[in-house]
Amino acid sequence: MEEVQAPDLPPVRLACRVAYLGDRFFGSQMQAAERTVEGEFVAACTRLGLFSDYRKAGFVAAGRTDRGVHARGQIFSFSTIYPSRALSALNWQLPLDCWINGYAKVDPEFHPRYDAKLRTYRYYFGTTHLDEKAMDSAAHLFVGTHDFSVFSRTSERNPERTITSARVWCEESTCVFEVTGDSFLWNMVRLMAASLLRIGQGMEGEERIVLRLEGERCSPLSPLPPDGLILWDVHCGIAFSPLPVEGKRQAFLVRLHEHHAALERVVRDLNESNR
């Protein structure tokens, strides 16, 4: 049944926790001529009549992710007089590689970027043939307030950032670097991961991280590819209610997982046949 709501009722502000696979997006931030996460989300809201102008609806994101970077806990917030319609129908309007997995009704002034206290990222290394103990020990050196200029691809007026936790663990066929901080410089996590990968491969010792945090560019670092990076969580101090993923999207994710599992085995066998 169509939702009926008097036009003079005040709009409700929603915070949507959004997940997406970043490999088919040109980043999260809206761009006129490219497929982006924000662009798909705003288009879906417009089709549903949730708002006609995303700026007037106060649509904002907790942050931006680069092309190829994924998310589990991105936050989009906007105001609408049709909150029930948004929660019941948005996932049906969104493409299969982008969906809402949680929501909350928030204060009218809520801004996910400025109200975020902490952000958590994970970087997935595509191998377990690494020194997990050495990487985890080295990751702890990032904790605290440091100048991360060497771990960035751009010059910031204030390159100091505070990291509250950092760890590495290995499971199944991958090792994971998880880091939480107040904010991050451009490419910072991917460069931190690159430094840890060298340690895990035995190419460097953890003293290189100390030197880099002291501003020494002891050896060139290139950021690791974006496809291993995921924005895992944005900590805004609000409790999200889960929004179940519908069957069509679940089936899509299962098929995608099976495809990559099969492809991984094909590539491994082809590589071994060359030896």
C-alpha atoms as a PDB file:
ATOM      1  CA  MET A   1       0.000   0.000   0.000  1.00  0.00           C
ATOM      2  CA  GLU A   2       1.275   3.476  -0.897  1.00  0.00           C
ATOM      3  CA  GLU A   3       2.575   5.365   2.108  1.00  0.00           C
ATOM      4  CA  VAL A   4       0.479   8.410   2.904  1.00  0.00           C
ATOM      5  CA  GLN A   5       2.002  11.298   4.769  1.00  0.00           C
ATOM      6  CA  ALA A   6       0.820  14.859   5.082  1.00  0.00           C
ATOM      7  CA  PRO A   7       3.154  17.296   3.303  1.00  0.00           C
ATOM      8  CA  ASP A   8       3.315  19.607   6.320  1.00  0.00           C
ATOM      9  CA  LEU A   9       4.835  16.949   8.587  1.00  0.00           C
ATOM     10  CA  PRO A  10       8.511  17.520   9.352  1.00  0.00           C
ATOM     11  CA  PRO A  11      10.948  15.309   7.444  1.00  0.00           C
ATOM     12  CA  VAL A  12      12.684  12.427   9.192  1.00  0.00           C
ATOM     13  CA  ARG A  13      16.463  12.221   9.009  1.00  0.00           C
ATOM     14  CA  LEU A  14      17.810   8.758   8.256  1.00  0.00           C
ATOM     15  CA  ALA A  15      21.290   7.328   8.588  1.00  0.00           C
ATOM     16  CA  CYS A  16      21.826   4.373   6.254  1.00  0.00           C
ATOM     17  CA  ARG A  17      24.763   2.031   6.709  1.00  0.00           C
ATOM     18  CA  VAL A  18      25.757   1.112   3.172  1.00  0.00           C
ATOM     19  CA  ALA A  19      27.854  -1.724   1.765  1.00  0.00           C
ATOM     20  CA  TYR A  20      29.211  -1.931  -1.755  1.00  0.00           C
ATOM     21  CA  LEU A  21      31.693  -3.718  -3.985  1.00  0.00           C
ATOM     22  CA  GLY A  22      33.901  -0.969  -5.320  1.00  0.00           C
ATOM     23  CA  ASP A  23      35.409  -2.610  -8.374  1.00  0.00           C
ATOM     24  CA  ARG A  24      32.668  -1.400 -10.750  1.00  0.00           C
ATOM     25  CA  PHE A  25      32.432   2.122  -9.334  1.00  0.00           C
ATOM     26  CA  PHE A  26      34.569   5.165 -10.103  1.00  0.00           C
ATOM     27  CA  GLY A  27      34.763   5.850  -6.381  1.00  0.00           C
ATOM     28  CA  SER A  28      32.003   6.733  -3.960  1.00  0.00           C
ATOM     29  CA  GLN A  29      31.758  10.487  -4.540  1.00  0.00           C
ATOM     30  CA  MET A  30      29.269  11.722  -7.109  1.00  0.00           C
ATOM     31  CA  GLN A  31      30.664  12.480 -10.565  1.00  0.00           C
ATOM     32  CA  ALA A  32      28.524  13.681 -13.443  1.00  0.00           C
ATOM     33  CA  ALA A  33      29.832  11.359 -16.146  1.00  0.00           C
ATOM     34  CA  GLU A  34      30.850   8.280 -14.144  1.00  0.00           C
ATOM     35  CA  ARG A  35      29.155   5.475 -12.218  1.00  0.00           C
ATOM     36  CA  THR A  36      29.627   6.174  -8.520  1.00  0.00           C
ATOM     37  CA  VAL A  37      28.091   4.870  -5.301  1.00  0.00           C
ATOM     38  CA  GLU A  38      26.572   8.223  -4.361  1.00  0.00           C
ATOM     39  CA  GLY A  39      25.230   8.641  -7.880  1.00  0.00           C
ATOM     40  CA  GLU A  40      23.437   5.283  -7.792  1.00  0.00           C
ATOM     41  CA  PHE A  41      22.082   5.948  -4.299  1.00  0.00           C
ATOM     42  CA  VAL A  42      20.744   9.415  -5.119  1.00  0.00           C
ATOM     43  CA  ALA A  43      19.203   8.123  -8.355  1.00  0.00           C
ATOM     44  CA  ALA A  44      17.409   5.356  -6.435  1.00  0.00           C
ATOM     45  CA  CYS A  45      16.083   7.865  -3.886  1.00  0.00           C
ATOM     46  CA  THR A  46      14.877  10.136  -6.676  1.00  0.00           C
ATOM     47  CA  ARG A  47      13.038   7.305  -8.458  1.00  0.00           C
ATOM     48  CA  LEU A  48      11.235   6.499  -5.210  1.00  0.00           C
ATOM     49  CA  GLY A  49      10.262  10.139  -4.688  1.00  0.00           C
ATOM     50  CA  LEU A  50      12.135  10.353  -1.381  1.00  0.00           C
ATOM     51  CA  PHE A  51      13.434  13.738  -2.466  1.00  0.00           C
ATOM     52  CA  SER A  52      13.740  15.720  -5.675  1.00  0.00           C
ATOM     53  CA  ASP A  53      16.947  17.593  -4.802  1.00  0.00           C
ATOM     54  CA  TYR A  54      19.612  15.731  -2.834  1.00  0.00           C
ATOM     55  CA  ARG A  55      21.161  18.995  -1.676  1.00  0.00           C
ATOM     56  CA  LYS A  56      17.907  20.242  -0.141  1.00  0.00           C
ATOM     57  CA  ALA A  57      17.454  16.805   1.440  1.00  0.00           C
ATOM     58  CA  GLY A  58      20.823  17.264   3.161  1.00  0.00           C
ATOM     59  CA  PHE A  59      22.316  14.152   1.559  1.00  0.00           C
ATOM     60  CA  VAL A  60      25.840  13.624   2.924  1.00  0.00           C
ATOM     61  CA  ALA A  61      28.290  10.753   3.304  1.00  0.00           C
ATOM     62  CA  ALA A  62      30.631   9.846   6.136  1.00  0.00           C
ATOM     63  CA  GLY A  63      33.536  10.052   3.715  1.00  0.00           C
ATOM     64  CA  ARG A  64      34.717   9.138   0.264  1.00  0.00           C
ATOM     65  CA  THR A  65      36.368   5.998  -1.027  1.00  0.00           C
ATOM     66  CA  ASP A  66      38.543   5.773  -4.126  1.00  0.00           C
ATOM     67  CA  ARG A  67      37.828   3.784  -7.242  1.00  0.00           C
ATOM     68  CA  GLY A  68      37.981   0.070  -6.496  1.00  0.00           C
ATOM     69  CA  VAL A  69      37.673   0.406  -2.698  1.00  0.00           C
ATOM     70  CA  HIS A  70      34.823  -1.481  -1.026  1.00  0.00           C
ATOM     71  CA  ALA A  71      32.688  -0.708   2.018  1.00  0.00           C
ATOM     72  CA  ARG A  72      30.735  -2.531   4.680  1.00  0.00           C
ATOM     73  CA  GLY A  73      30.041   0.466   6.916  1.00  0.00           C
ATOM     74  CA  GLN A  74      29.804   3.601   4.797  1.00  0.00           C
ATOM     75  CA  ILE A  75      27.093   5.961   6.102  1.00  0.00           C
ATOM     76  CA  PHE A  76      24.760   8.035   3.920  1.00  0.00           C
ATOM     77  CA  SER A  77      22.313  10.394   5.602  1.00  0.00           C
ATOM     78  CA  PHE A  78      19.372  12.360   4.196  1.00  0.00           C
ATOM     79  CA  SER A  79      15.984  13.732   5.207  1.00  0.00           C
ATOM     80  CA  THR A  80      12.645  12.622   3.758  1.00  0.00           C
ATOM     81  CA  ILE A  81       8.939  12.694   4.578  1.00  0.00           C
ATOM     82  CA  TYR A  82       8.735   9.057   3.439  1.00  0.00           C
ATOM     83  CA  PRO A  83      11.051   7.127   5.791  1.00  0.00           C
ATOM     84  CA  SER A  84       9.034   3.896   5.652  1.00  0.00           C
ATOM     85  CA  ARG A  85       9.155   3.883   1.867  1.00  0.00           C
ATOM     86  CA  ALA A  86      12.905   4.432   2.004  1.00  0.00           C
ATOM     87  CA  LEU A  87      13.513   1.474   4.296  1.00  0.00           C
ATOM     88  CA  SER A  88      11.159  -0.910   2.506  1.00  0.00           C
ATOM     89  CA  ALA A  89      12.027  -0.096  -1.100  1.00  0.00           C
ATOM     90  CA  LEU A  90      15.500   1.404  -1.437  1.00  0.00           C
ATOM     91  CA  ASN A  91      17.349  -1.905  -1.612  1.00  0.00           C
ATOM     92  CA  TRP A  92      15.043  -2.991  -4.442  1.00  0.00           C
ATOM     93  CA  GLN A  93      16.001   0.135  -6.393  1.00  0.00           C
ATOM     94  CA  LEU A  94      19.733  -0.077  -5.764  1.00  0.00           C
ATOM     95  CA  PRO A  95      22.031  -2.132  -8.036  1.00  0.00           C
ATOM     96  CA  LEU A  96      23.122  -5.552  -6.781  1.00  0.00           C
ATOM     97  CA  ASP A  97      26.633  -4.362  -5.895  1.00  0.00           C
ATOM     98  CA  CYS A  98      25.384  -1.674  -3.478  1.00  0.00           C
ATOM     99  CA  TRP A  99      22.931  -2.098  -0.602  1.00  0.00           C
ATOM    100  CA  ILE A 100      21.770  -0.857   2.801  1.00  0.00           C
ATOM    101  CA  ASN A 101      22.546  -3.245   5.664  1.00  0.00           C
ATOM    102  CA  GLY A 102      21.427  -1.066   8.571  1.00  0.00           C
ATOM    103  CA  TYR A 103      19.545   2.123   9.387  1.00  0.00           C
ATOM    104  CA  ALA A 104      18.768   4.551  12.200  1.00  0.00           C
ATOM    105  CA  LYS A 105      16.514   7.555  12.641  1.00  0.00           C
ATOM    106  CA  VAL A 106      18.765  10.373  13.816  1.00  0.00           C
ATOM    107  CA  ASP A 107      18.647  13.985  14.933  1.00  0.00           C
ATOM    108  CA  PRO A 108      17.924  16.547  12.191  1.00  0.00           C
ATOM    109  CA  GLU A 109      21.443  17.965  12.639  1.00  0.00           C
ATOM    110  CA  PHE A 110      23.187  14.616  12.238  1.00  0.00           C
ATOM    111  CA  HIS A 111      26.152  14.732   9.854  1.00  0.00           C
ATOM    112  CA  PRO A 112      27.972  11.402   9.383  1.00  0.00           C
ATOM    113  CA  ARG A 113      31.275  13.010   8.469  1.00  0.00           C
ATOM    114  CA  TYR A 114      31.490  15.500  11.314  1.00  0.00           C
ATOM    115  CA  ASP A 115      29.806  13.264  13.892  1.00  0.00           C
ATOM    116  CA  ALA A 116      32.125  10.325  13.166  1.00  0.00           C
ATOM    117  CA  LYS A 117      34.535   9.798  16.048  1.00  0.00           C
ATOM    118  CA  LEU A 118      36.484   6.901  14.533  1.00  0.00           C
ATOM    119  CA  ARG A 119      36.777   4.982  11.280  1.00  0.00           C
ATOM    120  CA  THR A 120      37.901   1.384  10.776  1.00  0.00           C
ATOM    121  CA  TYR A 121      39.473   0.008   7.621  1.00  0.00           C
ATOM    122  CA  ARG A 122      40.585  -3.478   6.715  1.00  0.00           C
ATOM    123  CA  TYR A 123      43.118  -4.471   4.095  1.00  0.00           C
ATOM    124  CA  TYR A 124      43.031  -8.061   2.845  1.00  0.00           C
ATOM    125  CA  PHE A 125      46.308  -9.548   1.621  1.00  0.00           C
ATOM    126  CA  GLY A 126      45.778 -12.319  -0.913  1.00  0.00           C
ATOM    127  CA  THR A 127      48.136 -14.773   0.791  1.00  0.00           C
ATOM    128  CA  THR A 128      48.933 -16.347   4.158  1.00  0.00           C
ATOM    129  CA  HIS A 129      52.595 -16.916   3.245  1.00  0.00           C
ATOM    130  CA  LEU A 130      53.557 -14.029   5.470  1.00  0.00           C
ATOM    131  CA  ASP A 131      55.117 -13.599   8.909  1.00  0.00           C
ATOM    132  CA  GLU A 132      51.916 -12.925  10.838  1.00  0.00           C
ATOM    133  CA  LYS A 133      53.662 -12.336  14.177  1.00  0.00           C
ATOM    134  CA  ALA A 134      56.116  -9.808  12.724  1.00  0.00           C
ATOM    135  CA  MET A 135      53.342  -7.950  10.878  1.00  0.00           C
ATOM    136  CA  ASP A 136      51.124  -7.769  13.948  1.00  0.00           C
ATOM    137  CA  SER A 137      53.986  -6.509  16.094  1.00  0.00           C
ATOM    138  CA  ALA A 138      54.840  -3.871  13.503  1.00  0.00           C
ATOM    139  CA  ALA A 139      51.191  -2.803  13.136  1.00  0.00           C
ATOM    140  CA  HIS A 140      51.102  -1.823  16.805  1.00  0.00           C
ATOM    141  CA  LEU A 141      53.782   0.809  16.080  1.00  0.00           C
ATOM    142  CA  PHE A 142      51.137   2.833  14.213  1.00  0.00           C
ATOM    143  CA  VAL A 143      49.069   3.295  17.394  1.00  0.00           C
ATOM    144  CA  GLY A 144      49.205   6.817  18.811  1.00  0.00           C
ATOM    145  CA  THR A 145      49.398  10.290  17.286  1.00  0.00           C
ATOM    146  CA  HIS A 146      51.989  10.535  14.512  1.00  0.00           C
ATOM    147  CA  ASP A 147      52.918  12.523  11.432  1.00  0.00           C
ATOM    148  CA  PHE A 148      51.821  10.250   8.574  1.00  0.00           C
ATOM    149  CA  SER A 149      53.256  12.372   5.749  1.00  0.00           C
ATOM    150  CA  VAL A 150      55.332   9.466   4.441  1.00  0.00           C
ATOM    151  CA  PHE A 151      52.190   7.309   4.409  1.00  0.00           C
ATOM    152  CA  SER A 152      50.248   9.631   2.116  1.00  0.00           C
ATOM    153  CA  ARG A 153      50.162  10.505  -1.587  1.00  0.00           C
ATOM    154  CA  THR A 154      49.314  14.151  -0.963  1.00  0.00           C
ATOM    155  CA  SER A 155      50.550  17.093   1.107  1.00  0.00           C
ATOM    156  CA  GLU A 156      48.230  17.938   3.997  1.00  0.00           C
ATOM    157  CA  ARG A 157      48.358  21.092   6.077  1.00  0.00           C
ATOM    158  CA  ASN A 158      48.101  18.877   9.148  1.00  0.00           C
ATOM    159  CA  PRO A 159      49.432  15.361   8.462  1.00  0.00           C
ATOM    160  CA  GLU A 160      49.056  14.242  12.086  1.00  0.00           C
ATOM    161  CA  ARG A 161      46.531  11.480  12.677  1.00  0.00           C
ATOM    162  CA  THR A 162      45.650   9.420  15.736  1.00  0.00           C
ATOM    163  CA  ILE A 163      45.451   5.648  15.430  1.00  0.00           C
ATOM    164  CA  THR A 164      43.644   3.919  18.294  1.00  0.00           C
ATOM    165  CA  SER A 165      44.184   0.293  17.268  1.00  0.00           C
ATOM    166  CA  ALA A 166      46.024  -1.691  14.599  1.00  0.00           C
ATOM    167  CA  ARG A 167      46.455  -5.434  14.239  1.00  0.00           C
ATOM    168  CA  VAL A 168      47.158  -8.214  11.748  1.00  0.00           C
ATOM    169  CA  TRP A 169      45.827 -11.761  11.745  1.00  0.00           C
ATOM    170  CA  CYS A 170      45.737 -14.606   9.236  1.00  0.00           C
ATOM    171  CA  GLU A 171      42.914 -17.014   8.503  1.00  0.00           C
ATOM    172  CA  GLU A 172      42.001 -19.390   5.676  1.00  0.00           C
ATOM    173  CA  SER A 173      43.642 -17.996   2.522  1.00  0.00           C
ATOM    174  CA  THR A 174      44.316 -14.414   3.545  1.00  0.00           C
ATOM    175  CA  CYS A 175      45.902 -12.132   6.116  1.00  0.00           C
ATOM    176  CA  VAL A 176      44.015  -9.077   7.342  1.00  0.00           C
ATOM    177  CA  PHE A 177      45.288  -5.688   8.507  1.00  0.00           C
ATOM    178  CA  GLU A 178      42.686  -3.806  10.555  1.00  0.00           C
ATOM    179  CA  VAL A 179      43.252  -0.219  11.640  1.00  0.00           C
ATOM    180  CA  THR A 180      41.054   2.281  13.500  1.00  0.00           C
ATOM    181  CA  GLY A 181      41.711   6.004  13.712  1.00  0.00           C
ATOM    182  CA  ASP A 182      40.110   9.423  13.908  1.00  0.00           C
ATOM    183  CA  SER A 183      40.672  10.074  10.197  1.00  0.00           C
ATOM    184  CA  PHE A 184      43.005   9.047   7.403  1.00  0.00           C
ATOM    185  CA  LEU A 185      45.085  10.761   4.728  1.00  0.00           C
ATOM    186  CA  TRP A 186      44.719   9.907   1.046  1.00  0.00           C
ATOM    187  CA  ASN A 187      46.103   6.396   0.368  1.00  0.00           C
ATOM    188  CA  MET A 188      47.264   6.199   3.999  1.00  0.00           C
ATOM    189  CA  VAL A 189      45.901   2.729   4.754  1.00  0.00           C
ATOM    190  CA  ARG A 190      47.155   1.259   1.478  1.00  0.00           C
ATOM    191  CA  LEU A 191      50.648   2.629   2.166  1.00  0.00           C
ATOM    192  CA  MET A 192      50.575   1.341   5.744  1.00  0.00           C
ATOM    193  CA  ALA A 193      49.581  -2.056   4.345  1.00  0.00           C
ATOM    194  CA  ALA A 194      52.432  -1.889   1.808  1.00  0.00           C
ATOM    195  CA  SER A 195      54.922  -1.315   4.617  1.00  0.00           C
ATOM    196  CA  LEU A 196      53.502  -4.233   6.616  1.00  0.00           C
ATOM    197  CA  LEU A 197      53.595  -6.486   3.546  1.00  0.00           C
ATOM    198  CA  ARG A 198      57.341  -5.892   3.174  1.00  0.00           C
ATOM    199  CA  ILE A 199      57.803  -6.903   6.791  1.00  0.00           C
ATOM    200  CA  GLY A 200      55.650  -9.977   6.325  1.00  0.00           C
ATOM    201  CA  GLN A 201      57.757 -10.990   3.331  1.00  0.00           C
ATOM    202  CA  GLY A 202      60.984 -10.519   5.299  1.00  0.00           C
ATOM    203  CA  MET A 203      62.123  -7.633   3.076  1.00  0.00           C
ATOM    204  CA  GLU A 204      62.194  -5.082   5.909  1.00  0.00           C
ATOM    205  CA  GLY A 205      62.214  -4.933   9.689  1.00  0.00           C
ATOM    206  CA  GLU A 206      59.732  -3.013  11.824  1.00  0.00           C
ATOM    207  CA  GLU A 207      62.313  -0.293  12.420  1.00  0.00           C
ATOM    208  CA  ARG A 208      61.416   1.009   8.946  1.00  0.00           C
ATOM    209  CA  ILE A 209      57.959   1.935  10.217  1.00  0.00           C
ATOM    210  CA  VAL A 210      59.549   3.865  13.080  1.00  0.00           C
ATOM    211  CA  LEU A 211      61.787   5.735  10.621  1.00  0.00           C
ATOM    212  CA  ARG A 212      58.863   6.550   8.333  1.00  0.00           C
ATOM    213  CA  LEU A 213      56.802   7.844  11.248  1.00  0.00           C
ATOM    214  CA  GLU A 214      59.780  10.103  12.036  1.00  0.00           C
ATOM    215  CA  GLY A 215      59.541  11.519   8.513  1.00  0.00           C
ATOM    216  CA  GLU A 216      62.357   9.583   6.861  1.00  0.00           C
ATOM    217  CA  ARG A 217      61.667   8.348   3.341  1.00  0.00           C
ATOM    218  CA  CYS A 218      64.010   5.392   3.733  1.00  0.00           C
ATOM    219  CA  SER A 219      62.752   3.565   0.650  1.00  0.00           C
ATOM    220  CA  PRO A 220      59.984   4.337  -1.833  1.00  0.00           C
ATOM    221  CA  LEU A 221      56.528   2.988  -1.005  1.00  0.00           C
ATOM    222  CA  SER A 222      53.742   2.403  -3.494  1.00  0.00           C
ATOM    223  CA  PRO A 223      50.182   1.937  -2.260  1.00  0.00           C
ATOM    224  CA  LEU A 224      48.807  -1.568  -2.559  1.00  0.00           C
ATOM    225  CA  PRO A 225      45.932  -2.100  -5.026  1.00  0.00           C
ATOM    226  CA  PRO A 226      42.528  -0.736  -3.941  1.00  0.00           C
ATOM    227  CA  ASP A 227      40.689  -4.044  -4.358  1.00  0.00           C
ATOM    228  CA  GLY A 228      41.987  -5.319  -1.001  1.00  0.00           C
ATOM    229  CA  LEU A 229      40.716  -2.307   0.962  1.00  0.00           C
ATOM    230  CA  ILE A 230      37.329  -2.029   2.659  1.00  0.00           C
ATOM    231  CA  LEU A 231      35.828   0.727   4.798  1.00  0.00           C
ATOM    232  CA  TRP A 232      34.718  -1.579   7.570  1.00  0.00           C
ATOM    233  CA  ASP A 233      32.987   0.772  10.004  1.00  0.00           C
ATOM    234  CA  VAL A 234      32.303   4.409  10.819  1.00  0.00           C
ATOM    235  CA  HIS A 235      31.780   4.993  14.532  1.00  0.00           C
ATOM    236  CA  CYS A 236      29.168   7.732  15.066  1.00  0.00           C
ATOM    237  CA  GLY A 237      27.760   6.611  18.407  1.00  0.00           C
ATOM    238  CA  ILE A 238      24.422   5.503  16.956  1.00  0.00           C
ATOM    239  CA  ALA A 239      22.851   2.049  17.034  1.00  0.00           C
ATOM    240  CA  PHE A 240      21.848   0.711  13.634  1.00  0.00           C
ATOM    241  CA  SER A 241      18.911  -1.623  13.168  1.00  0.00           C
ATOM    242  CA  PRO A 242      19.769  -4.371  10.674  1.00  0.00           C
ATOM    243  CA  LEU A 243      18.098  -4.331   7.285  1.00  0.00           C
ATOM    244  CA  PRO A 244      17.919  -7.872   5.863  1.00  0.00           C
ATOM    245  CA  VAL A 245      19.411  -8.450   2.445  1.00  0.00           C
ATOM    246  CA  GLU A 246      16.788  -9.694  -0.017  1.00  0.00           C
ATOM    247  CA  GLY A 247      17.127 -13.056  -1.749  1.00  0.00           C
ATOM    248  CA  LYS A 248      18.111 -11.706  -5.172  1.00  0.00           C
ATOM    249  CA  ARG A 249      21.126  -9.883  -3.758  1.00  0.00           C
ATOM    250  CA  GLN A 250      22.110 -12.816  -1.550  1.00  0.00           C
ATOM    251  CA  ALA A 251      22.072 -15.057  -4.637  1.00  0.00           C
ATOM    252  CA  PHE A 252      24.216 -12.532  -6.509  1.00  0.00           C
ATOM    253  CA  LEU A 253      26.801 -12.476  -3.712  1.00  0.00           C
ATOM    254  CA  VAL A 254      26.857 -16.278  -3.510  1.00  0.00           C
ATOM    255  CA  ARG A 255      27.406 -16.543  -7.274  1.00  0.00           C
ATOM    256  CA  LEU A 256      30.148 -13.940  -7.109  1.00  0.00           C
ATOM    257  CA  HIS A 257      31.900 -15.799  -4.302  1.00  0.00           C
ATOM    258  CA  GLU A 258      31.693 -19.088  -6.210  1.00  0.00           C
ATOM    259  CA  HIS A 259      33.044 -17.423  -9.356  1.00  0.00           C
ATOM    260  CA  HIS A 260      36.084 -16.010  -7.574  1.00  0.00           C
ATOM    261  CA  ALA A 261      36.705 -19.273  -5.703  1.00  0.00           C
ATOM    262  CA  ALA A 262      36.739 -21.156  -9.006  1.00  0.00           C
ATOM    263  CA  LEU A 263      38.918 -18.509 -10.660  1.00  0.00           C
ATOM    264  CA  GLU A 264      41.388 -18.662  -7.764  1.00  0.00           C
ATOM    265  CA  ARG A 265      41.771 -22.420  -8.261  1.00  0.00           C
ATOM    266  CA  VAL A 266      42.138 -22.065 -12.041  1.00  0.00           C
ATOM    267  CA  VAL A 267      44.892 -19.459 -11.668  1.00  0.00           C
ATOM    268  CA  ARG A 268      46.684 -21.552  -9.023  1.00  0.00           C
ATOM    269  CA  ASP A 269      46.637 -24.682 -11.170  1.00  0.00           C
ATOM    270  CA  LEU A 270      47.801 -22.784 -14.254  1.00  0.00           C
ATOM    271  CA  ASN A 271      50.649 -21.283 -12.275  1.00  0.00           C
ATOM    272  CA  GLU A 272      51.681 -24.660 -10.873  1.00  0.00           C
ATOM    273  CA  SER A 273      51.591 -26.223 -14.356  1.00  0.00           C
ATOM    274  CA  ASN A 274      54.280 -23.750 -15.469  1.00  0.00           C
ATOM    275  CA  ARG A 275      56.813 -25.053 -12.950  1.00  0.00           C
END
